[in-house]
Amino acid sequence: MKPRFSNQRTIALTMVEVLVVVAALLIIAAIILPALAMANRKSNKLGCASCLKQIGVTYRVWAGNNGDKYPMQVSVTNGGAMELIATGNVAACFQVMSNELNTPKVLICPQDTKRIPATSFSRGFNNDNVSYFVPLNADQTNPKMLLSGDDNFAIGGVPVKSGLLQLSTNAPIAWSSGRHVLHGSHFWPARYRFFGYILFADGSVQDLTTDDLKKALQRTGVATNRLAIP
């Protein structure tokens, strides 16, 4: 059998056509990637609020079984964590509520890259497994009291350290990216101002700007809000 030869030439893209395709792909990527990034940030922020809402429910259930008091109001001998929280042991507060909380994973903000979610409340569970602060003077009878929330505070421009923090109503407090929150993660997209999530004693979770946070401290009605920072 004689071999057959084809007169058809191999079809290939010209350099101009290749450049056109590459340019089109770059344009598509420039449109899609920012949208995906924004969707991811929105998902993470909603996840943070969801975690705090679950924590709020846990507080309420625990208080209902303990004379309408939170763990920071009940001594260790009576099953609470008052003395431990007073030393800055944030984890102890959630450890006594482990039956109501079920999983320690909700104690980590989805945008917290510096802390590790715990797999259980047993041995080894500590402040490194918690993203949120715990107040020492929270009171269920005062619905405007701070009950928990993001810990990425800065006082006078300096990020706060782990331990006890006393906030007066006129403290130069502001949100920052200096602790667990990545730069540009917690902010209002329209104004590019940082914000954080706060859980109140009435069970509500609010995203607050720095100005809103200062007003929230004033609405608590106490001269000094004492917080344990993990």
Protein backbone atom coordinates (compact mmCIF):
# COMPACT_ATOMS: atom_id res chain seq x y z
CA MET A 1 0.00 0.00 0.00
CA LYS A 2 1.33 3.35 -0.99
CA PRO A 3 1.59 5.95 1.79
CA ARG A 4 -0.83 8.81 1.55
CA PHE A 5 0.27 12.37 1.89
CA SER A 6 -1.97 15.21 3.02
CA ASN A 7 -1.71 18.69 1.68
CA GLN A 8 -3.31 20.10 4.90
CA ARG A 9 -0.98 22.19 6.98
CA THR A 10 -0.85 21.89 10.80
CA ILE A 11 -3.02 24.62 12.27
CA ALA A 12 -1.20 26.67 14.94
CA LEU A 13 -1.86 29.89 16.74
CA THR A 14 0.11 32.88 15.67
CA MET A 15 2.05 34.91 18.23
CA VAL A 16 -0.58 37.63 18.07
CA GLU A 17 -3.36 35.14 18.80
CA VAL A 18 -1.42 33.72 21.75
CA LEU A 19 -0.96 37.18 23.19
CA VAL A 20 -4.68 37.88 22.76
CA VAL A 21 -5.59 34.67 24.64
CA VAL A 22 -3.13 35.44 27.46
CA ALA A 23 -4.46 38.97 27.78
CA ALA A 24 -8.03 37.68 27.93
CA LEU A 25 -7.12 35.20 30.68
CA LEU A 26 -5.40 37.93 32.67
CA ILE A 27 -8.47 40.15 32.42
CA ILE A 28 -10.74 37.32 33.56
CA ALA A 29 -8.40 36.57 36.49
CA ALA A 30 -8.34 40.25 37.46
CA ILE A 31 -12.14 40.23 37.63
CA ILE A 32 -12.69 36.87 39.36
CA LEU A 33 -9.88 36.72 41.94
CA PRO A 34 -10.83 39.90 43.87
CA ALA A 35 -14.44 38.70 43.97
CA LEU A 36 -13.35 35.33 45.35
CA ALA A 37 -11.12 37.00 47.93
CA MET A 38 -13.97 39.25 49.06
CA ALA A 39 -16.32 36.27 49.30
CA ASN A 40 -13.75 34.42 51.40
CA ARG A 41 -13.34 37.39 53.76
CA LYS A 42 -17.12 37.67 54.09
CA SER A 43 -17.39 33.96 54.86
CA ASN A 44 -14.69 34.19 57.52
CA LYS A 45 -16.30 37.22 59.14
CA LEU A 46 -19.68 35.52 59.25
CA GLY A 47 -17.93 32.52 60.77
CA CYS A 48 -16.46 34.69 63.52
CA ALA A 49 -19.88 36.09 64.41
CA SER A 50 -21.35 32.58 64.36
CA CYS A 51 -18.70 31.36 66.82
CA LEU A 52 -19.50 34.17 69.23
CA LYS A 53 -23.23 33.50 68.99
CA GLN A 54 -22.61 29.88 69.96
CA ILE A 55 -20.49 31.07 72.87
CA GLY A 56 -23.33 33.39 73.91
CA VAL A 57 -25.80 30.50 73.96
CA THR A 58 -23.31 28.48 76.03
CA TYR A 59 -23.06 31.25 78.61
CA ARG A 60 -26.84 31.45 78.91
CA VAL A 61 -27.31 27.69 79.30
CA TRP A 62 -24.53 27.45 81.88
CA ALA A 63 -25.87 30.42 83.84
CA GLY A 64 -29.34 28.88 83.80
CA ASN A 65 -27.92 25.87 85.62
CA ASN A 66 -25.83 27.92 88.05
CA GLY A 67 -28.05 30.50 89.70
CA ASP A 68 -28.07 32.85 86.70
CA LYS A 69 -24.36 33.53 87.10
CA TYR A 70 -21.50 33.22 84.66
CA PRO A 71 -18.33 31.19 85.38
CA MET A 72 -16.45 34.41 86.26
CA GLN A 73 -19.01 35.02 89.02
CA VAL A 74 -18.80 31.54 90.57
CA SER A 75 -15.86 30.33 92.65
CA VAL A 76 -13.83 27.29 91.66
CA THR A 77 -15.08 25.38 94.70
CA ASN A 78 -18.64 25.82 93.44
CA GLY A 79 -17.85 24.72 89.89
CA GLY A 80 -16.99 28.09 88.39
CA ALA A 81 -13.70 29.70 87.36
CA MET A 82 -13.71 33.05 89.18
CA GLU A 83 -10.25 32.80 90.75
CA LEU A 84 -8.62 31.33 87.64
CA ILE A 85 -10.03 33.96 85.29
CA ALA A 86 -8.78 36.66 87.67
CA THR A 87 -5.24 35.46 86.91
CA GLY A 88 -5.78 35.75 83.14
CA ASN A 89 -6.67 32.10 82.59
CA VAL A 90 -9.24 32.56 79.82
CA ALA A 91 -9.30 28.87 78.94
CA ALA A 92 -10.59 27.98 82.42
CA CYS A 93 -13.81 29.89 81.74
CA PHE A 94 -14.63 27.78 78.69
CA GLN A 95 -13.35 24.59 80.27
CA VAL A 96 -16.01 24.68 82.99
CA MET A 97 -18.62 25.18 80.24
CA SER A 98 -17.27 22.31 78.12
CA ASN A 99 -20.46 20.22 78.49
CA GLU A 100 -22.56 23.05 77.09
CA LEU A 101 -20.02 24.15 74.46
CA ASN A 102 -19.47 20.63 73.06
CA THR A 103 -16.45 21.56 70.90
CA PRO A 104 -13.49 23.91 71.53
CA LYS A 105 -13.19 24.68 67.82
CA VAL A 106 -15.67 27.57 68.09
CA LEU A 107 -13.24 29.35 70.41
CA ILE A 108 -10.95 30.14 67.48
CA CYS A 109 -11.75 33.01 65.11
CA PRO A 110 -11.64 31.70 61.50
CA GLN A 111 -9.14 34.47 60.72
CA ASP A 112 -6.87 33.72 63.66
CA THR A 113 -3.62 32.47 62.17
CA LYS A 114 -1.63 32.52 65.40
CA ARG A 115 -3.69 30.17 67.54
CA ILE A 116 -4.43 26.48 67.19
CA PRO A 117 -7.93 24.97 67.56
CA ALA A 118 -8.01 22.34 70.30
CA THR A 119 -9.44 18.91 69.63
CA SER A 120 -10.85 18.55 73.17
CA PHE A 121 -11.16 20.29 76.52
CA SER A 122 -9.02 17.70 78.23
CA ARG A 123 -5.34 17.87 79.16
CA GLY A 124 -3.36 20.55 77.31
CA PHE A 125 -6.25 22.94 76.63
CA ASN A 126 -5.06 26.51 77.36
CA ASN A 127 -5.14 30.14 76.24
CA ASP A 128 -3.36 29.25 73.01
CA ASN A 129 -6.60 27.56 71.93
CA VAL A 130 -8.79 30.66 72.44
CA SER A 131 -9.18 33.79 70.30
CA TYR A 132 -11.69 35.69 72.41
CA PHE A 133 -11.45 37.70 75.61
CA VAL A 134 -13.38 36.96 78.80
CA PRO A 135 -14.69 39.75 81.06
CA LEU A 136 -14.19 39.57 84.81
CA ASN A 137 -17.14 41.79 85.71
CA ALA A 138 -19.83 40.57 83.32
CA ASP A 139 -23.31 40.43 84.84
CA GLN A 140 -26.33 38.75 83.28
CA THR A 141 -28.62 41.39 84.78
CA ASN A 142 -26.90 44.04 82.65
CA PRO A 143 -27.59 43.19 78.97
CA LYS A 144 -25.13 45.86 77.75
CA MET A 145 -22.11 44.28 79.41
CA LEU A 146 -19.37 42.86 77.20
CA LEU A 147 -19.46 39.05 77.39
CA SER A 148 -16.77 38.09 74.89
CA GLY A 149 -15.30 39.16 71.57
CA ASP A 150 -12.25 39.71 69.39
CA ASP A 151 -9.09 40.45 71.37
CA ASN A 152 -7.24 42.52 68.73
CA PHE A 153 -7.21 45.73 70.77
CA ALA A 154 -4.59 48.43 70.79
CA ILE A 155 -4.23 50.97 73.60
CA GLY A 156 -2.63 54.20 72.49
CA GLY A 157 -1.56 52.47 69.29
CA VAL A 158 0.16 49.57 71.11
CA PRO A 159 -1.41 46.08 70.72
CA VAL A 160 -2.46 44.66 74.08
CA LYS A 161 -0.65 41.66 75.54
CA SER A 162 -2.07 38.49 77.02
CA GLY A 163 -3.21 38.92 80.62
CA LEU A 164 -5.57 41.28 82.43
CA LEU A 165 -6.72 44.49 80.76
CA GLN A 166 -8.54 47.27 82.58
CA LEU A 167 -10.48 49.57 80.29
CA SER A 168 -11.78 52.87 81.58
CA THR A 169 -14.56 54.56 79.64
CA ASN A 170 -12.09 57.11 78.22
CA ALA A 171 -9.28 54.66 77.39
CA PRO A 172 -7.54 55.34 74.02
CA ILE A 173 -8.64 51.97 72.68
CA ALA A 174 -8.81 51.01 69.01
CA TRP A 175 -9.03 47.91 66.86
CA SER A 176 -5.83 46.82 65.18
CA SER A 177 -4.28 43.96 63.20
CA GLY A 178 -1.51 43.56 65.74
CA ARG A 179 -2.75 40.33 67.34
CA HIS A 180 -4.59 37.48 65.66
CA VAL A 181 -6.41 39.26 62.84
CA LEU A 182 -4.61 39.48 59.51
CA HIS A 183 -4.07 42.98 58.13
CA GLY A 184 -7.04 43.97 56.03
CA SER A 185 -9.26 41.15 57.29
CA HIS A 186 -11.52 42.91 59.78
CA PHE A 187 -12.45 46.22 58.18
CA TRP A 188 -15.35 48.04 56.64
CA PRO A 189 -14.71 47.69 52.87
CA ALA A 190 -16.22 51.08 52.04
CA ARG A 191 -14.13 53.01 54.55
CA TYR A 192 -11.17 50.70 55.19
CA ARG A 193 -11.45 51.03 58.93
CA PHE A 194 -10.81 48.14 61.26
CA PHE A 195 -13.66 46.65 63.25
CA GLY A 196 -14.19 43.75 65.60
CA TYR A 197 -16.98 41.51 66.86
CA ILE A 198 -18.34 41.84 70.38
CA LEU A 199 -20.74 39.49 72.17
CA PHE A 200 -23.01 41.25 74.66
CA ALA A 201 -24.75 39.85 77.72
CA ASP A 202 -28.11 40.04 75.92
CA GLY A 203 -26.80 37.42 73.46
CA SER A 204 -26.38 39.77 70.51
CA VAL A 205 -23.19 39.92 68.42
CA GLN A 206 -22.29 43.24 66.84
CA ASP A 207 -19.52 44.32 64.49
CA LEU A 208 -18.17 47.57 65.90
CA THR A 209 -15.83 50.24 64.63
CA THR A 210 -13.42 51.83 67.09
CA ASP A 211 -15.90 54.64 67.78
CA ASP A 212 -18.68 52.10 68.32
CA LEU A 213 -16.45 50.15 70.71
CA LYS A 214 -15.80 53.23 72.82
CA LYS A 215 -19.52 53.93 73.01
CA ALA A 216 -20.19 50.30 73.96
CA LEU A 217 -17.76 50.59 76.87
CA GLN A 218 -19.60 53.69 78.09
CA ARG A 219 -22.99 51.96 77.81
CA THR A 220 -21.90 49.19 80.16
CA GLY A 221 -22.40 51.67 82.99
CA VAL A 222 -19.21 50.65 84.83
CA ALA A 223 -16.17 52.87 85.27
CA THR A 224 -13.74 50.09 84.39
CA ASN A 225 -14.28 47.01 82.26
CA ARG A 226 -11.86 44.26 83.27
CA LEU A 227 -10.99 41.81 80.53
CA ALA A 228 -8.83 38.68 80.49
CA ILE A 229 -6.95 38.53 77.18
CA PRO A 230 -5.80 35.06 76.01
